[in-house]
Amino acid sequence: MNQHPYAYVVLRYSPDPGAGESLNVGVVLYAQRFAFLRIKCDSRYERLSNAFAGFDGPSFRRALANIIEAFRHAERRLSDRPLFEGDRPFGEWLTAVLPDSGASFELSGVRHGITADPAQEIEYLFDRAVESQRGHSTETPRRSDEQVWRAVAQSLPESVKRHITSRTISTVAAKAEFEHAVKNGRWHVIQPVSMDFKHSDAMQRKASELVGLAVGLSAAEELGSMIYVVGRPHRGNSKAYDRALALLDQTPIEHQIIDEADNAGLEKHLLSLVAEHQD
């Protein structure tokens, strides 16, 4: 699918513009080639209430609802006529569309990018600009690592399964028990990795933790390789997933990254290890 340019702005809530304090609450994206205009906002206001003294939640929601309706009205019109008339630039048009909300909302400068899927792109931008301010240190994946493993293990032949066992690997810097490992001279540990998170920072954090563990175990002479069997997010941004895999690929020892859907690839790799299995 071809990549085409888009423009976007971040919507910010700033109860006192003179104080210079604001929090991001939404994103507006326009991709002319796709006839795509969309706004995505966060109407929850707990973090705003915690950040700004005297915050008026009901007033915030009413003002934000007016903004959303204004942009959705423009979105509905987009199929009937061009969004811009004459040479009116995107930024100027946005300012005109934005309802008067007592100066509590402001738009960032217009930014640009390219995408093959503007609907996916706005999800990524919203996650990066808005959800990232919320913090997700306690987020758990929709599927656990073990659920990812059970799904892929079903298709493995018995000739492979009977060689899989648990193994504890330790060094002076780290210790980890792996539930799935095969031995071929040295131990090759299989680490299922669920990346089925909603938020990109949770994917990055998990990849960082795994790379950190591998750094700690890299001095173990008995460790031959790490085999990451990765479960991708069922929903969410593929760019965040790709970045997490790129980070995981920084593992400082021999390693393989195998997608959960690549049953044939996983089976082939494990068969090559157990073919010369040594007790």
Protein backbone atom coordinates (compact mmCIF):
# COMPACT_ATOMS: atom_id res chain seq x y z
CA MET A 1 0.00 0.00 0.00
CA ASN A 2 1.40 3.40 -1.00
CA GLN A 3 2.48 5.98 1.55
CA HIS A 4 0.91 9.43 1.33
CA PRO A 5 1.43 12.62 3.32
CA TYR A 6 -0.75 13.73 6.20
CA ALA A 7 -0.92 16.66 8.60
CA TYR A 8 -1.85 16.59 12.26
CA VAL A 9 -2.10 18.73 15.36
CA VAL A 10 -2.23 17.92 19.07
CA LEU A 11 -5.13 19.34 21.08
CA ARG A 12 -4.06 20.62 24.49
CA TYR A 13 -5.95 21.63 27.59
CA SER A 14 -4.52 24.75 29.19
CA PRO A 15 -6.73 26.26 31.92
CA ASP A 16 -4.35 29.22 32.32
CA PRO A 17 -2.44 29.89 29.09
CA GLY A 18 -0.47 32.60 30.82
CA ALA A 19 1.03 30.01 33.17
CA GLY A 20 2.31 27.97 30.24
CA GLU A 21 1.02 24.67 31.65
CA SER A 22 -0.97 22.23 29.54
CA LEU A 23 -1.72 18.56 28.99
CA ASN A 24 -2.43 16.84 25.69
CA VAL A 25 -6.00 15.59 25.34
CA GLY A 26 -6.42 14.78 21.64
CA VAL A 27 -5.10 14.55 18.10
CA VAL A 28 -6.57 15.76 14.79
CA LEU A 29 -5.27 14.15 11.59
CA TYR A 30 -5.97 15.10 7.99
CA ALA A 31 -4.82 13.06 4.98
CA GLN A 32 -6.01 14.66 1.75
CA ARG A 33 -5.23 11.70 -0.53
CA PHE A 34 -7.41 9.44 1.63
CA ALA A 35 -10.15 12.07 2.15
CA PHE A 36 -9.56 11.40 5.82
CA LEU A 37 -10.22 13.80 8.69
CA ARG A 38 -10.55 12.56 12.25
CA ILE A 39 -10.27 13.72 15.83
CA LYS A 40 -9.48 11.37 18.71
CA CYS A 41 -9.76 12.69 22.26
CA ASP A 42 -9.55 11.53 25.85
CA SER A 43 -12.57 12.76 27.83
CA ARG A 44 -11.37 11.24 31.11
CA TYR A 45 -10.14 13.97 33.40
CA GLU A 46 -8.55 12.34 36.44
CA ARG A 47 -5.02 13.36 35.40
CA LEU A 48 -6.23 16.90 34.65
CA SER A 49 -7.90 17.15 38.02
CA ASN A 50 -4.68 15.99 39.68
CA ALA A 51 -2.59 18.44 37.68
CA PHE A 52 -4.66 21.64 37.88
CA ALA A 53 -6.05 23.17 41.06
CA GLY A 54 -9.72 24.12 40.82
CA PHE A 55 -10.25 21.94 37.74
CA ASP A 56 -13.91 21.87 36.63
CA GLY A 57 -14.54 18.39 35.19
CA PRO A 58 -18.12 18.87 33.90
CA SER A 59 -17.17 22.11 32.13
CA PHE A 60 -14.17 20.40 30.56
CA ARG A 61 -16.31 17.58 29.20
CA ARG A 62 -18.92 19.97 27.77
CA ALA A 63 -16.26 22.06 26.04
CA LEU A 64 -14.49 18.97 24.68
CA ALA A 65 -17.80 17.55 23.41
CA ASN A 66 -18.38 20.80 21.47
CA ILE A 67 -14.93 20.54 19.91
CA ILE A 68 -15.45 16.90 18.92
CA GLU A 69 -18.83 17.68 17.37
CA ALA A 70 -17.37 20.58 15.38
CA PHE A 71 -14.67 18.38 13.87
CA ARG A 72 -17.05 15.50 13.21
CA HIS A 73 -19.37 17.88 11.38
CA ALA A 74 -16.42 18.87 9.21
CA GLU A 75 -15.60 15.20 8.69
CA ARG A 76 -19.11 14.50 7.44
CA ARG A 77 -18.84 17.41 5.00
CA LEU A 78 -15.55 16.12 3.63
CA SER A 79 -17.27 13.60 1.35
CA ASP A 80 -19.37 16.36 -0.24
CA ARG A 81 -16.80 19.05 -0.94
CA PRO A 82 -13.12 19.85 -0.42
CA LEU A 83 -12.09 20.57 3.12
CA PHE A 84 -10.27 23.76 2.22
CA GLU A 85 -11.55 26.43 -0.11
CA GLY A 86 -9.05 28.44 -2.10
CA ASP A 87 -5.59 28.58 -0.54
CA ARG A 88 -6.69 28.41 3.08
CA PRO A 89 -4.04 26.41 4.95
CA PHE A 90 -4.81 23.55 7.30
CA GLY A 91 -3.69 25.42 10.41
CA GLU A 92 -5.88 28.42 9.68
CA TRP A 93 -8.86 26.19 8.97
CA LEU A 94 -8.35 24.36 12.27
CA THR A 95 -8.35 27.60 14.24
CA ALA A 96 -11.59 28.66 12.59
CA VAL A 97 -13.27 25.33 13.32
CA LEU A 98 -12.21 25.23 16.98
CA PRO A 99 -15.15 26.50 19.07
CA ASP A 100 -14.59 29.25 21.62
CA SER A 101 -14.03 27.41 24.91
CA GLY A 102 -12.81 30.27 27.05
CA ALA A 103 -9.22 29.81 25.78
CA SER A 104 -8.88 26.53 27.73
CA PHE A 105 -7.97 24.54 24.61
CA GLU A 106 -5.17 25.21 22.18
CA LEU A 107 -3.67 23.50 19.15
CA SER A 108 -0.05 22.65 18.58
CA GLY A 109 1.64 23.70 15.41
CA VAL A 110 0.85 21.66 12.32
CA ARG A 111 3.11 18.62 11.94
CA HIS A 112 3.50 16.27 9.00
CA GLY A 113 4.22 12.65 8.18
CA ILE A 114 3.50 9.91 5.65
CA THR A 115 1.32 6.86 6.09
CA ALA A 116 -0.42 4.08 4.22
CA ASP A 117 -3.16 3.85 6.85
CA PRO A 118 -4.35 7.13 8.43
CA ALA A 119 -6.77 5.33 10.77
CA GLN A 120 -3.88 3.38 12.26
CA GLU A 121 -1.64 6.43 12.25
CA ILE A 122 -3.97 8.49 14.41
CA GLU A 123 -4.08 5.65 16.94
CA TYR A 124 -0.29 5.69 17.09
CA LEU A 125 -0.14 9.49 17.41
CA PHE A 126 -2.81 9.48 20.13
CA ASP A 127 -0.93 6.84 22.06
CA ARG A 128 2.31 8.79 21.76
CA ALA A 129 0.93 12.25 22.49
CA VAL A 130 -1.88 11.57 24.97
CA GLU A 131 -1.77 8.11 26.50
CA SER A 132 1.96 8.36 27.12
CA GLN A 133 1.24 11.12 29.66
CA ARG A 134 -0.95 8.82 31.68
CA GLY A 135 1.69 6.23 32.59
CA HIS A 136 1.17 2.48 32.32
CA SER A 137 3.71 0.96 34.67
CA THR A 138 1.18 -1.56 35.97
CA GLU A 139 -0.35 -2.53 32.62
CA THR A 140 -0.57 -6.26 32.04
CA PRO A 141 -0.85 -7.85 28.60
CA ARG A 142 -4.19 -9.10 27.33
CA ARG A 143 -2.56 -12.51 26.96
CA SER A 144 0.13 -13.86 29.26
CA ASP A 145 3.46 -15.23 28.05
CA GLU A 146 2.28 -18.71 28.90
CA GLN A 147 -0.90 -18.30 26.87
CA VAL A 148 1.25 -17.40 23.87
CA TRP A 149 3.33 -20.52 24.45
CA ARG A 150 0.35 -22.84 24.84
CA ALA A 151 -1.07 -21.62 21.55
CA VAL A 152 2.12 -22.28 19.59
CA ALA A 153 3.04 -25.51 21.42
CA GLN A 154 -0.14 -27.20 20.22
CA SER A 155 1.27 -27.44 16.71
CA LEU A 156 4.70 -28.76 17.68
CA PRO A 157 5.32 -32.47 16.97
CA GLU A 158 5.94 -34.87 19.84
CA SER A 159 9.46 -35.43 18.55
CA VAL A 160 10.16 -31.83 19.62
CA LYS A 161 7.99 -31.60 22.73
CA ARG A 162 9.66 -34.51 24.50
CA HIS A 163 12.99 -32.68 24.46
CA ILE A 164 11.60 -29.48 26.00
CA THR A 165 12.24 -29.12 29.71
CA SER A 166 12.76 -26.40 32.29
CA ARG A 167 16.18 -24.97 33.08
CA THR A 168 17.57 -22.39 35.48
CA ILE A 169 20.37 -20.22 34.14
CA SER A 170 22.37 -18.10 36.56
CA THR A 171 25.42 -15.85 36.70
CA VAL A 172 26.78 -13.49 39.33
CA ALA A 173 24.60 -10.78 37.74
CA ALA A 174 21.27 -12.55 37.12
CA LYS A 175 19.26 -15.70 37.60
CA ALA A 176 16.22 -16.87 35.64
CA GLU A 177 14.17 -20.04 35.44
CA PHE A 178 12.98 -20.88 31.96
CA GLU A 179 10.04 -23.25 31.66
CA HIS A 180 10.94 -24.23 28.10
CA ALA A 181 14.45 -25.12 26.98
CA VAL A 182 16.22 -27.70 24.84
CA LYS A 183 19.80 -28.89 25.11
CA ASN A 184 22.17 -29.34 22.22
CA GLY A 185 25.62 -29.08 23.73
CA ARG A 186 24.47 -25.93 25.47
CA TRP A 187 21.00 -24.84 26.56
CA HIS A 188 18.75 -23.00 24.15
CA VAL A 189 15.99 -21.36 26.16
CA ILE A 190 12.59 -20.55 24.71
CA GLN A 191 11.09 -17.34 26.04
CA PRO A 192 7.45 -16.70 25.06
CA VAL A 193 6.85 -12.94 24.94
CA SER A 194 3.35 -11.51 24.90
CA MET A 195 3.35 -8.05 23.36
CA ASP A 196 -0.43 -7.96 23.45
CA PHE A 197 -0.53 -4.58 25.18
CA LYS A 198 -2.71 -1.59 24.44
CA HIS A 199 0.03 0.97 24.96
CA SER A 200 3.34 1.28 23.18
CA ASP A 201 5.36 2.17 26.26
CA ALA A 202 4.40 -1.17 27.85
CA MET A 203 5.83 -2.99 24.81
CA GLN A 204 9.03 -0.97 25.02
CA ARG A 205 9.35 -1.60 28.73
CA LYS A 206 8.94 -5.34 28.35
CA ALA A 207 11.48 -5.52 25.54
CA SER A 208 13.92 -3.49 27.65
CA GLU A 209 13.50 -5.83 30.61
CA LEU A 210 14.18 -8.90 28.47
CA VAL A 211 17.27 -7.36 26.91
CA GLY A 212 18.47 -6.40 30.39
CA LEU A 213 17.99 -9.98 31.58
CA ALA A 214 19.95 -11.26 28.58
CA VAL A 215 22.80 -8.87 29.42
CA GLY A 216 22.89 -10.32 32.92
CA LEU A 217 22.91 -13.90 31.63
CA SER A 218 25.36 -13.37 28.77
CA ALA A 219 28.31 -14.65 30.83
CA ALA A 220 26.68 -18.05 31.38
CA GLU A 221 28.75 -20.60 29.45
CA GLU A 222 25.90 -23.11 29.41
CA LEU A 223 23.57 -20.68 27.61
CA GLY A 224 23.59 -21.23 23.87
CA SER A 225 20.84 -18.95 22.67
CA MET A 226 17.58 -17.19 23.45
CA ILE A 227 14.57 -18.06 21.33
CA TYR A 228 11.88 -15.40 21.63
CA VAL A 229 8.41 -16.56 20.55
CA VAL A 230 6.54 -13.29 20.29
CA GLY A 231 2.78 -12.77 20.48
CA ARG A 232 1.78 -9.65 18.64
CA PRO A 233 -0.99 -7.30 19.86
CA HIS A 234 -4.47 -8.23 18.66
CA ARG A 235 -5.26 -4.55 18.47
CA GLY A 236 -3.01 -1.55 18.53
CA ASN A 237 -0.26 0.08 16.60
CA SER A 238 2.05 -2.04 14.48
CA LYS A 239 4.76 0.63 14.53
CA ALA A 240 5.04 0.34 18.32
CA TYR A 241 5.27 -3.44 17.95
CA ASP A 242 8.01 -3.12 15.33
CA ARG A 243 9.97 -0.77 17.59
CA ALA A 244 9.69 -3.22 20.47
CA LEU A 245 11.01 -6.03 18.26
CA ALA A 246 13.88 -3.82 17.11
CA LEU A 247 14.77 -3.24 20.75
CA LEU A 248 14.48 -6.96 21.52
CA ASP A 249 16.86 -7.61 18.66
CA GLN A 250 19.56 -5.81 20.69
CA THR A 251 19.87 -8.95 22.86
CA PRO A 252 23.67 -9.32 23.25
CA ILE A 253 23.80 -13.11 22.81
CA GLU A 254 22.80 -15.39 19.99
CA HIS A 255 19.04 -15.15 19.60
CA GLN A 256 16.09 -15.69 17.30
CA ILE A 257 12.83 -13.75 17.21
CA ILE A 258 9.96 -15.88 15.92
CA ASP A 259 6.43 -14.60 15.46
CA GLU A 260 3.73 -16.71 17.08
CA ALA A 261 2.12 -17.19 13.66
CA ASP A 262 5.30 -18.70 12.20
CA ASN A 263 4.63 -22.25 13.38
CA ALA A 264 6.70 -23.71 10.56
CA GLY A 265 9.68 -21.51 11.39
CA LEU A 266 9.58 -22.39 15.09
CA GLU A 267 9.21 -26.10 14.38
CA LYS A 268 12.09 -26.06 11.89
CA HIS A 269 14.39 -24.26 14.32
CA LEU A 270 13.61 -26.56 17.24
CA LEU A 271 13.94 -29.67 15.09
CA SER A 272 17.41 -28.54 14.05
CA LEU A 273 18.35 -28.31 17.73
CA VAL A 274 16.89 -31.61 18.93
CA ALA A 275 18.24 -33.53 15.94
CA GLU A 276 21.61 -33.57 17.68
CA HIS A 277 20.21 -33.53 21.21
CA GLN A 278 22.67 -34.53 23.92
CA ASP A 279 21.52 -35.69 27.35
